Protein backbone atom coordinates (compact mmCIF):
# COMPACT_ATOMS: atom_id res chain seq x y z
CA UNK A 1 0.00 0.00 0.00
CA UNK A 2 1.38 3.42 -0.93
CA UNK A 3 1.39 6.48 1.33
CA UNK A 4 -1.71 7.92 -0.35
CA UNK A 5 -3.73 4.69 -0.30
CA UNK A 6 -6.55 4.71 2.26
CA UNK A 7 -6.43 2.27 5.12
CA UNK A 8 -9.17 -0.34 4.60
CA UNK A 9 -12.14 0.28 6.91
CA UNK A 10 -11.01 3.79 7.85
CA UNK A 11 -12.11 7.15 6.45
CA UNK A 12 -9.35 9.29 4.98
CA UNK A 13 -9.93 12.60 6.87
CA UNK A 14 -8.37 11.65 10.24
CA UNK A 15 -7.63 8.03 9.59
CA UNK A 16 -7.57 6.05 12.81
CA UNK A 17 -7.12 2.32 13.00
CA UNK A 18 -9.98 1.05 15.17
CA UNK A 19 -7.69 -1.61 16.64
CA UNK A 20 -4.71 0.59 17.51
CA UNK A 21 -4.42 2.27 20.90
CA UNK A 22 -3.51 5.96 20.82
CA UNK A 23 0.04 6.95 21.83
CA UNK A 24 -1.44 8.93 24.74
CA UNK A 25 -4.93 9.19 26.28
CA UNK A 26 -7.53 10.95 24.13
CA UNK A 27 -10.89 12.54 24.92
CA UNK A 28 -13.92 10.44 24.03
CA UNK A 29 -17.56 11.50 24.24
CA UNK A 30 -20.14 8.90 25.14
CA UNK A 31 -23.92 8.77 25.12
CA UNK A 32 -25.74 6.90 27.88
CA UNK A 33 -29.37 5.85 27.99
CA UNK A 34 -31.76 3.49 29.76
CA UNK A 35 -35.52 3.07 30.11
CA UNK A 36 -35.98 -0.11 32.15
CA UNK A 37 -36.04 -0.30 35.93
CA UNK A 38 -34.60 2.67 37.83
CA UNK A 39 -32.96 4.19 34.76
CA UNK A 40 -31.57 7.22 36.60
CA UNK A 41 -29.83 5.01 39.16
CA UNK A 42 -28.54 2.78 36.36
CA UNK A 43 -26.92 5.76 34.61
CA UNK A 44 -25.33 6.98 37.85
CA UNK A 45 -23.86 3.52 38.45
CA UNK A 46 -22.77 3.28 34.79
CA UNK A 47 -20.86 6.56 35.13
CA UNK A 48 -18.95 5.13 38.10
CA UNK A 49 -18.27 1.97 36.08
CA UNK A 50 -16.91 4.03 33.18
CA UNK A 51 -14.44 5.67 35.56
CA UNK A 52 -13.29 2.20 36.63
CA UNK A 53 -12.50 0.95 33.11
CA UNK A 54 -8.82 0.17 32.50
CA UNK A 55 -6.76 3.08 31.17
CA UNK A 56 -9.85 5.29 31.30
CA UNK A 57 -11.06 8.06 33.57
CA UNK A 58 -14.30 9.98 33.67
CA UNK A 59 -13.62 13.68 33.09
CA UNK A 60 -17.17 15.07 33.16
CA UNK A 61 -20.79 14.03 32.89
CA UNK A 62 -23.97 15.88 32.04
CA UNK A 63 -27.06 16.02 34.14
CA UNK A 64 -29.59 13.28 33.56
CA UNK A 65 -32.41 14.04 31.13
CA UNK A 66 -35.82 12.43 30.72
CA UNK A 67 -36.46 12.05 27.02
CA UNK A 68 -39.39 10.61 25.08
CA UNK A 69 -38.71 7.27 23.40
CA UNK A 70 -37.33 7.68 19.88
CA UNK A 71 -37.75 5.23 17.01
CA UNK A 72 -40.21 2.82 18.63
CA UNK A 73 -42.32 5.20 20.73
CA UNK A 74 -44.57 2.63 22.48
CA UNK A 75 -42.17 2.15 25.39
CA UNK A 76 -41.20 4.01 28.58
CA UNK A 77 -39.39 7.36 28.37
CA UNK A 78 -35.61 7.18 28.47
CA UNK A 79 -33.14 8.74 30.83
CA UNK A 80 -30.15 9.99 28.85
CA UNK A 81 -26.81 11.60 29.65
CA UNK A 82 -23.46 12.29 28.05
CA UNK A 83 -19.99 11.76 29.43
CA UNK A 84 -16.47 12.67 28.47
CA UNK A 85 -13.81 10.16 29.32
CA UNK A 86 -10.10 10.17 28.66
CA UNK A 87 -8.82 6.81 27.52
CA UNK A 88 -5.74 5.06 26.21
CA UNK A 89 -7.87 2.18 24.91
CA UNK A 90 -8.19 1.71 21.17
CA UNK A 91 -11.62 2.53 19.70
CA UNK A 92 -12.38 -1.19 19.33
CA UNK A 93 -11.19 -2.05 22.85
CA UNK A 94 -13.31 0.78 24.26
CA UNK A 95 -16.35 -0.45 22.33
CA UNK A 96 -15.82 -3.97 23.68
CA UNK A 97 -15.50 -2.61 27.23
CA UNK A 98 -18.75 -0.64 26.81
CA UNK A 99 -20.58 -3.70 25.48
CA UNK A 100 -19.31 -5.70 28.48
CA UNK A 101 -20.66 -2.98 30.81
CA UNK A 102 -24.03 -3.13 29.07
CA UNK A 103 -24.13 -6.89 29.63
CA UNK A 104 -23.13 -6.44 33.28
CA UNK A 105 -26.14 -4.14 33.65
CA UNK A 106 -28.45 -6.77 32.16
CA UNK A 107 -28.57 -5.74 28.51
CA UNK A 108 -29.11 -8.57 26.06
CA UNK A 109 -28.85 -7.65 22.38
CA UNK A 110 -30.71 -9.64 19.75
CA UNK A 111 -28.19 -11.18 17.34
CA UNK A 112 -30.23 -9.95 14.36
CA UNK A 113 -30.53 -6.40 15.74
CA UNK A 114 -34.34 -6.62 15.89
CA UNK A 115 -34.34 -4.93 19.31
CA UNK A 116 -32.36 -1.93 18.06
CA UNK A 117 -35.02 0.65 18.94
CA UNK A 118 -36.56 -1.21 21.88
CA UNK A 119 -36.38 -0.85 25.64
CA UNK A 120 -33.02 -1.35 27.28
CA UNK A 121 -31.48 -1.62 30.70
CA UNK A 122 -28.40 0.32 29.50
CA UNK A 123 -27.17 1.70 26.21
CA UNK A 124 -23.63 3.06 25.87
CA UNK A 125 -22.56 4.65 22.59
CA UNK A 126 -19.23 6.09 21.52
CA UNK A 127 -20.21 9.41 19.97
CA UNK A 128 -16.76 10.86 19.28
CA UNK A 129 -13.30 9.39 19.71
CA UNK A 130 -11.19 12.56 19.70
CA UNK A 131 -11.46 13.79 16.08
CA UNK A 132 -11.25 10.31 14.54
CA UNK A 133 -13.28 9.20 11.56
CA UNK A 134 -13.73 5.44 11.49
CA UNK A 135 -15.87 3.26 9.26
CA UNK A 136 -15.17 -0.31 10.33
CA UNK A 137 -17.50 -3.27 10.85
CA UNK A 138 -19.57 -2.57 13.95
CA UNK A 139 -17.90 0.79 14.61
CA UNK A 140 -18.62 4.08 12.87
CA UNK A 141 -17.28 7.32 14.30
CA UNK A 142 -18.43 9.95 14.72
CA UNK A 143 -21.66 8.18 15.64
CA UNK A 144 -23.55 8.36 12.33
CA UNK A 145 -26.88 9.59 13.77
CA UNK A 146 -25.78 11.78 16.68
CA UNK A 147 -26.32 15.05 14.81
CA UNK A 148 -29.97 14.12 14.18
CA UNK A 149 -30.86 13.34 17.80
CA UNK A 150 -31.66 16.05 20.31
CA UNK A 151 -31.55 13.49 23.13
CA UNK A 152 -27.85 13.05 22.31
CA UNK A 153 -26.95 16.67 21.58
CA UNK A 154 -28.65 18.33 24.57
CA UNK A 155 -26.59 16.48 27.23
CA UNK A 156 -23.48 16.47 25.03
CA UNK A 157 -23.54 20.24 24.57
CA UNK A 158 -23.98 20.69 28.31
CA UNK A 159 -20.50 19.23 28.89
CA UNK A 160 -18.90 20.43 25.64
CA UNK A 161 -20.69 23.58 24.41
CA UNK A 162 -18.12 24.39 21.72
CA UNK A 163 -17.96 20.83 20.39
CA UNK A 164 -17.54 20.33 16.65
CA UNK A 165 -18.45 17.04 14.98
CA UNK A 166 -15.72 15.98 12.52
CA UNK A 167 -16.97 16.29 8.97
CA UNK A 168 -20.17 18.09 10.04
CA UNK A 169 -19.32 21.20 12.06
CA UNK A 170 -20.53 22.79 15.30
CA UNK A 171 -22.88 20.54 17.26
CA UNK A 172 -24.80 23.55 18.60
CA UNK A 173 -25.80 24.54 15.05
CA UNK A 174 -27.17 21.03 14.50
CA UNK A 175 -29.24 21.17 17.67
CA UNK A 176 -30.76 24.48 16.55
CA UNK A 177 -32.48 22.62 13.71
CA UNK A 178 -33.96 19.85 15.88
CA UNK A 179 -37.13 19.61 17.94
CA UNK A 180 -36.08 18.87 21.53
CA UNK A 181 -39.25 16.79 21.85
CA UNK A 182 -39.84 17.46 25.53
CA UNK A 183 -36.37 16.73 26.90
CA UNK A 184 -36.32 17.65 30.60
CA UNK A 185 -33.36 17.78 32.99
CA UNK A 186 -33.90 15.60 36.05
CA UNK A 187 -31.29 17.23 38.31
């Protein structure tokens, strides 16, 4: 492969190998959500668990927000939040750690993805991994739908008001065009 050839599975703008750990810790923004059981307590416990991940520390977290269900609306409202962590884990290793946390909190994912929009005990999404652009199997960064979801942008902008989404621009400008759909801070 020549110097100008793209790396397979990685976008060319800020090419990051999903499997390679960064040379030093990088900021990562995460979305958290739950709508089963005591969702607010689940998110508080999940934030503590994020801080306990190897080579990772929680830098800041938003307030918790009650948000109407999105996608499949015939289910309980969600509680959502955003967090910024600093990690030395690779994007793939971080994703695997987040999926393990979801399982530890009782989340079972359907193999065929049929429960994608359904109720969940915990949902953890990598929204941004520094300024990386990744398009690999099971991992797309920035999160491909984050700019279309007020329930993601409202808590995210609380902790990072000047945030810019690689390839798209200022997150605040994207929120301006969205209906907040009744998002209410709980704390």
